[in-house]
Amino acid sequence: MKKIDRGIQFVQQNISRFRCLVCNQAYETIEGHSLRCPNGHQVDFSKKGTLYFLTHQVASEYDASMLAARRRVLQAGFFGPIVQAINAALPETPQRILDIGSGEGTPLADLLNLHANPQDVGIGFDISKDGVNLATQLTTPAYYCVADLAQLPFTDAAFTAIMDVFSPSAYQEFERVLAPGGQLLKIVPNPEYLVELRHLLFKPTDRQYQYDNQRVLDLFAQHYPTATRQQIRYQVTLDDIDFNDLLVMTPLHWGADAEQLATAKQQGLTSITVDVSLLTMQKG
């Protein structure tokens, strides 16, 4: 089956979960290669079967080479324990999962594979068209589209779980599309996340040498005082991961100058720390 036909088939089966960004009405029909709402507004499927929901230009700093490097690192299992922790927090019953800022798509694909319920529905979106195009190359039942988290093209209570791995948050929109009893599962980096890379790239006097996640934690706690927090910390050996890929996949390299990058590439690393928190909120 062609990608466009596969994408149309998925959206047809889940059409009630998508809504028009012009009039906020749920989409009703697919005519040819177009998704149409009751008021005649339409969005066209791309050749890859994706839908482009952005109503304005949004710049993404994640280019194709950065996303490709991230794909190689993640497929080597870099986020394995993180995805396992998210899966452990989910009920075994069928889930409708939304991945916020899904990037090149691997975390959602891995989660659906782990959860292994044939009735699961997984949708990922990102503002990066390059990321969504890469995601369509995966062998997965997940569906990916281009959208903005501040204006989600999904109906109220469409999802039973929202996963947010290192992406910004729009809590009002998240709560709107999350069904009662559903969970928001947010991964935030802790101060020791990729600490070896920080210390390799930057001097102690540089702003990027240290990281403080307290503001993100405080904002989440402000919105959800009863939320839980679970630390996930592990070491990743870089035997199967190209150091250049690790360097390129993270925004850390944006803040380093040419000399710092050259020194880092020369020295390299043999292992690196992954240290994050899983913040979980259950909607009443």
Protein backbone atom coordinates (compact mmCIF):
# COMPACT_ATOMS: atom_id res chain seq x y z
CA MET A 1 0.00 0.00 0.00
CA LYS A 2 1.30 3.48 -0.87
CA LYS A 3 2.08 5.86 1.99
CA ILE A 4 -0.67 8.25 0.95
CA ASP A 5 -3.25 5.45 0.96
CA ARG A 6 -2.03 4.21 4.34
CA GLY A 7 -2.27 7.73 5.77
CA ILE A 8 -5.78 8.23 4.37
CA GLN A 9 -6.85 4.87 5.79
CA PHE A 10 -5.58 5.78 9.27
CA VAL A 11 -7.27 9.19 9.29
CA GLN A 12 -10.51 7.68 7.96
CA GLN A 13 -10.54 5.22 10.86
CA ASN A 14 -9.79 8.01 13.36
CA ILE A 15 -11.50 10.96 11.69
CA SER A 16 -13.42 11.87 14.85
CA ARG A 17 -10.12 12.72 16.59
CA PHE A 18 -9.19 15.50 14.13
CA ARG A 19 -10.75 18.95 14.07
CA CYS A 20 -10.59 21.93 11.75
CA LEU A 21 -8.39 24.80 12.92
CA VAL A 22 -10.55 27.35 11.11
CA CYS A 23 -13.94 26.59 12.70
CA ASN A 24 -13.04 24.00 15.40
CA GLN A 25 -15.51 21.50 13.95
CA ALA A 26 -14.59 17.81 13.80
CA TYR A 27 -13.69 16.67 10.31
CA GLU A 28 -16.40 14.60 8.64
CA THR A 29 -15.25 13.27 5.29
CA ILE A 30 -12.29 12.49 3.08
CA GLU A 31 -12.85 13.41 -0.54
CA GLY A 32 -10.09 12.26 -2.85
CA HIS A 33 -6.89 13.30 -1.10
CA SER A 34 -8.50 15.99 1.08
CA LEU A 35 -9.86 15.98 4.63
CA ARG A 36 -12.98 18.17 4.86
CA CYS A 37 -14.95 19.64 7.76
CA PRO A 38 -18.74 20.33 7.73
CA ASN A 39 -18.07 23.96 6.72
CA GLY A 40 -16.05 23.00 3.65
CA HIS A 41 -12.57 23.80 4.99
CA GLN A 42 -10.05 21.23 3.83
CA VAL A 43 -6.51 19.95 4.43
CA ASP A 44 -4.74 17.95 1.74
CA PHE A 45 -2.74 14.77 2.27
CA SER A 46 0.88 14.84 1.13
CA LYS A 47 2.35 12.08 -1.02
CA LYS A 48 3.70 10.56 2.20
CA GLY A 49 0.20 10.47 3.69
CA THR A 50 0.82 13.24 6.21
CA LEU A 51 -1.34 16.27 6.93
CA TYR A 52 -0.01 19.81 7.32
CA PHE A 53 -2.00 21.67 9.97
CA LEU A 54 0.10 24.81 10.47
CA THR A 55 -1.88 27.98 9.90
CA HIS A 56 1.23 30.18 9.94
CA GLN A 57 4.93 29.82 9.26
CA VAL A 58 6.82 28.27 12.17
CA ALA A 59 10.61 28.02 12.10
CA SER A 60 12.25 24.83 13.38
CA GLU A 61 15.94 24.73 14.26
CA TYR A 62 15.93 20.93 13.90
CA ASP A 63 17.13 20.37 10.34
CA ALA A 64 17.22 17.11 8.41
CA SER A 65 20.83 16.25 9.30
CA MET A 66 20.22 16.83 13.01
CA LEU A 67 17.07 14.71 12.93
CA ALA A 68 18.82 11.93 10.99
CA ALA A 69 21.59 11.87 13.62
CA ARG A 70 18.93 11.72 16.33
CA ARG A 71 17.26 8.79 14.52
CA ARG A 72 20.53 6.82 14.53
CA VAL A 73 21.19 7.52 18.22
CA LEU A 74 17.65 6.68 19.35
CA GLN A 75 17.49 3.51 17.28
CA ALA A 76 20.62 2.38 19.13
CA GLY A 77 18.45 2.38 22.28
CA PHE A 78 19.48 5.72 23.78
CA PHE A 79 15.98 6.47 25.13
CA GLY A 80 15.09 2.81 25.84
CA PRO A 81 14.65 3.11 29.64
CA ILE A 82 12.67 6.35 29.20
CA VAL A 83 10.17 4.72 26.84
CA GLN A 84 9.99 1.68 29.15
CA ALA A 85 9.11 3.95 32.09
CA ILE A 86 6.36 5.67 30.09
CA ASN A 87 4.99 2.29 29.03
CA ALA A 88 5.02 1.04 32.65
CA ALA A 89 2.87 4.03 33.63
CA LEU A 90 0.19 3.18 31.06
CA PRO A 91 -2.69 0.76 31.71
CA GLU A 92 -2.61 -2.41 29.61
CA THR A 93 -5.98 -1.45 28.10
CA PRO A 94 -6.05 0.10 24.59
CA GLN A 95 -4.60 3.62 24.62
CA ARG A 96 -5.01 6.61 22.36
CA ILE A 97 -1.57 8.21 22.60
CA LEU A 98 -0.52 11.69 21.43
CA ASP A 99 3.21 12.38 21.14
CA ILE A 100 4.02 16.08 21.55
CA GLY A 101 6.89 17.21 19.33
CA SER A 102 7.44 13.71 17.98
CA GLY A 103 10.54 14.67 15.98
CA GLU A 104 11.74 11.82 13.77
CA GLY A 105 9.18 9.48 15.36
CA THR A 106 11.22 6.77 17.11
CA PRO A 107 9.97 7.21 20.73
CA LEU A 108 6.28 6.85 19.78
CA ALA A 109 7.01 3.90 17.49
CA ASP A 110 8.97 2.23 20.30
CA LEU A 111 6.20 2.92 22.82
CA LEU A 112 3.52 1.36 20.60
CA ASN A 113 5.80 -1.64 20.07
CA LEU A 114 6.29 -2.02 23.83
CA HIS A 115 2.66 -1.48 24.78
CA ALA A 116 1.74 -4.08 22.16
CA ASN A 117 -2.02 -3.65 22.21
CA PRO A 118 -3.36 -4.03 18.65
CA GLN A 119 -6.17 -1.57 19.45
CA ASP A 120 -3.78 1.23 20.42
CA VAL A 121 -3.90 4.46 18.42
CA GLY A 122 -0.74 6.55 18.22
CA ILE A 123 -0.47 10.01 16.70
CA GLY A 124 2.68 12.13 16.72
CA PHE A 125 3.11 15.67 15.49
CA ASP A 126 5.92 18.16 15.12
CA ILE A 127 6.42 21.62 13.65
CA SER A 128 9.35 20.19 11.68
CA LYS A 129 8.28 18.91 8.28
CA ASP A 130 11.69 17.19 7.98
CA GLY A 131 11.01 15.31 11.21
CA VAL A 132 7.55 14.18 10.12
CA ASN A 133 8.89 13.07 6.73
CA LEU A 134 11.56 10.99 8.50
CA ALA A 135 8.89 9.50 10.77
CA THR A 136 6.95 8.22 7.76
CA GLN A 137 9.92 5.98 6.96
CA LEU A 138 9.38 3.95 10.14
CA THR A 139 7.54 0.63 10.13
CA THR A 140 4.93 1.49 12.73
CA PRO A 141 1.14 1.81 13.13
CA ALA A 142 1.71 5.38 14.38
CA TYR A 143 0.52 8.32 12.30
CA TYR A 144 2.53 11.55 12.07
CA CYS A 145 1.48 15.06 11.01
CA VAL A 146 2.79 18.63 11.02
CA ALA A 147 1.16 20.78 13.69
CA ASP A 148 1.78 23.38 16.39
CA LEU A 149 1.31 22.45 20.08
CA ALA A 150 -0.27 25.85 20.74
CA GLN A 151 -3.13 25.03 18.34
CA LEU A 152 -3.77 21.30 18.27
CA PRO A 153 -5.84 19.93 15.36
CA PHE A 154 -7.55 17.37 17.60
CA THR A 155 -11.00 17.15 19.17
CA ASP A 156 -11.72 17.48 22.89
CA ALA A 157 -10.90 14.36 24.94
CA ALA A 158 -9.44 12.61 21.87
CA PHE A 159 -6.56 10.93 23.77
CA THR A 160 -6.12 8.79 26.88
CA ALA A 161 -2.39 9.55 27.14
CA ILE A 162 -0.11 12.41 26.14
CA MET A 163 3.65 11.86 26.03
CA ASP A 164 5.94 14.88 25.98
CA VAL A 165 9.65 14.07 25.70
CA PHE A 166 11.74 17.25 26.04
CA SER A 167 9.13 19.37 24.23
CA PRO A 168 7.58 22.64 25.41
CA SER A 169 4.11 22.49 26.92
CA ALA A 170 0.77 24.14 26.24
CA TYR A 171 -1.09 22.84 29.26
CA GLN A 172 -4.47 24.34 28.38
CA GLU A 173 -4.43 22.58 25.00
CA PHE A 174 -3.14 19.35 26.55
CA GLU A 175 -6.00 19.29 29.05
CA ARG A 176 -8.52 19.97 26.28
CA VAL A 177 -7.51 16.97 24.17
CA LEU A 178 -6.93 14.64 27.14
CA ALA A 179 -9.88 12.43 28.13
CA PRO A 180 -11.05 12.23 31.76
CA GLY A 181 -8.88 9.70 33.57
CA GLY A 182 -6.14 10.13 30.96
CA GLN A 183 -2.50 10.79 31.76
CA LEU A 184 0.00 13.47 30.82
CA LEU A 185 3.51 11.95 30.88
CA LYS A 186 6.21 14.60 30.57
CA ILE A 187 9.94 13.92 30.41
CA VAL A 188 12.23 16.76 31.51
CA PRO A 189 16.04 16.70 31.68
CA ASN A 190 17.65 16.80 35.12
CA PRO A 191 20.83 18.81 35.82
CA GLU A 192 23.04 15.76 35.17
CA TYR A 193 21.53 15.01 31.72
CA LEU A 194 24.42 14.70 29.23
CA VAL A 195 26.68 16.27 31.87
CA GLU A 196 29.84 14.82 30.30
CA LEU A 197 29.02 16.50 26.99
CA ARG A 198 28.31 19.82 28.70
CA HIS A 199 31.64 19.71 30.48
CA LEU A 200 33.42 18.67 27.29
CA LEU A 201 31.96 21.52 25.25
CA PHE A 202 31.93 24.36 27.76
CA LYS A 203 34.05 26.00 30.47
CA PRO A 204 32.76 26.28 34.07
CA THR A 205 32.22 30.00 33.44
CA ASP A 206 29.93 29.32 30.44
CA ARG A 207 26.17 29.46 30.97
CA GLN A 208 25.70 26.05 29.31
CA TYR A 209 28.16 24.28 31.63
CA GLN A 210 25.33 23.65 34.09
CA TYR A 211 21.60 23.11 33.67
CA ASP A 212 18.80 23.86 36.11
CA ASN A 213 15.33 22.36 35.53
CA GLN A 214 13.66 23.91 38.57
CA ARG A 215 11.59 26.40 36.60
CA VAL A 216 10.03 23.61 34.50
CA LEU A 217 9.35 21.51 37.62
CA ASP A 218 7.79 24.46 39.43
CA LEU A 219 5.50 25.29 36.50
CA PHE A 220 4.32 21.69 36.24
CA ALA A 221 3.69 21.56 40.00
CA GLN A 222 1.82 24.87 39.78
CA HIS A 223 -0.56 23.37 37.22
CA TYR A 224 -0.71 19.90 38.80
CA PRO A 225 0.01 19.93 42.56
CA THR A 226 -0.78 16.20 42.90
CA ALA A 227 1.49 15.10 40.03
CA THR A 228 4.14 12.45 40.67
CA ARG A 229 7.84 12.61 39.78
CA GLN A 230 10.07 9.64 38.97
CA GLN A 231 13.80 9.94 38.33
CA ILE A 232 15.22 7.85 35.47
CA ARG A 233 19.02 7.76 35.45
CA TYR A 234 21.36 5.47 33.53
CA GLN A 235 24.68 5.35 31.68
CA VAL A 236 24.90 4.75 27.96
CA THR A 237 28.12 3.35 26.54
CA LEU A 238 28.91 4.80 23.15
CA ASP A 239 30.24 1.59 21.56
CA ASP A 240 27.30 1.49 19.12
CA ILE A 241 26.76 5.25 18.86
CA ASP A 242 28.81 7.59 16.70
CA PHE A 243 30.01 10.48 18.90
CA ASN A 244 29.41 12.94 16.04
CA ASP A 245 25.76 11.83 15.92
CA LEU A 246 25.44 12.36 19.67
CA LEU A 247 27.00 15.79 19.31
CA VAL A 248 24.69 16.84 16.47
CA MET A 249 21.42 15.41 17.87
CA THR A 250 21.33 17.76 20.87
CA PRO A 251 20.89 21.55 20.82
CA LEU A 252 23.95 21.79 23.08
CA HIS A 253 26.23 22.07 20.06
CA TRP A 254 24.47 25.27 18.96
CA GLY A 255 26.06 27.16 21.85
CA ALA A 256 29.62 25.93 21.26
CA ASP A 257 32.13 27.74 19.06
CA ALA A 258 34.20 26.07 16.33
CA GLU A 259 37.21 25.56 18.60
CA GLN A 260 35.13 23.93 21.35
CA LEU A 261 33.45 21.62 18.82
CA ALA A 262 36.77 20.61 17.27
CA THR A 263 38.25 19.82 20.70
CA ALA A 264 35.17 17.82 21.68
CA LYS A 265 35.31 15.76 18.47
CA GLN A 266 39.00 15.05 19.04
CA GLN A 267 38.55 13.93 22.65
CA GLY A 268 35.19 12.16 22.32
CA LEU A 269 33.47 10.20 25.09
CA THR A 270 33.15 6.51 25.94
CA SER A 271 29.89 6.83 27.90
CA ILE A 272 27.34 9.45 28.85
CA THR A 273 24.74 10.03 31.55
CA VAL A 274 21.03 10.12 30.83
CA ASP A 275 19.26 11.68 33.81
CA VAL A 276 15.63 12.77 33.45
CA SER A 277 12.41 13.04 35.42
CA LEU A 278 9.07 11.54 34.40
CA LEU A 279 6.30 13.87 35.56
CA THR A 280 2.88 12.22 35.57
CA MET A 281 -0.53 13.87 35.93
CA GLN A 282 -3.83 12.03 35.79
CA LYS A 283 -6.83 14.05 34.70
CA GLY A 284 -9.81 13.84 37.02
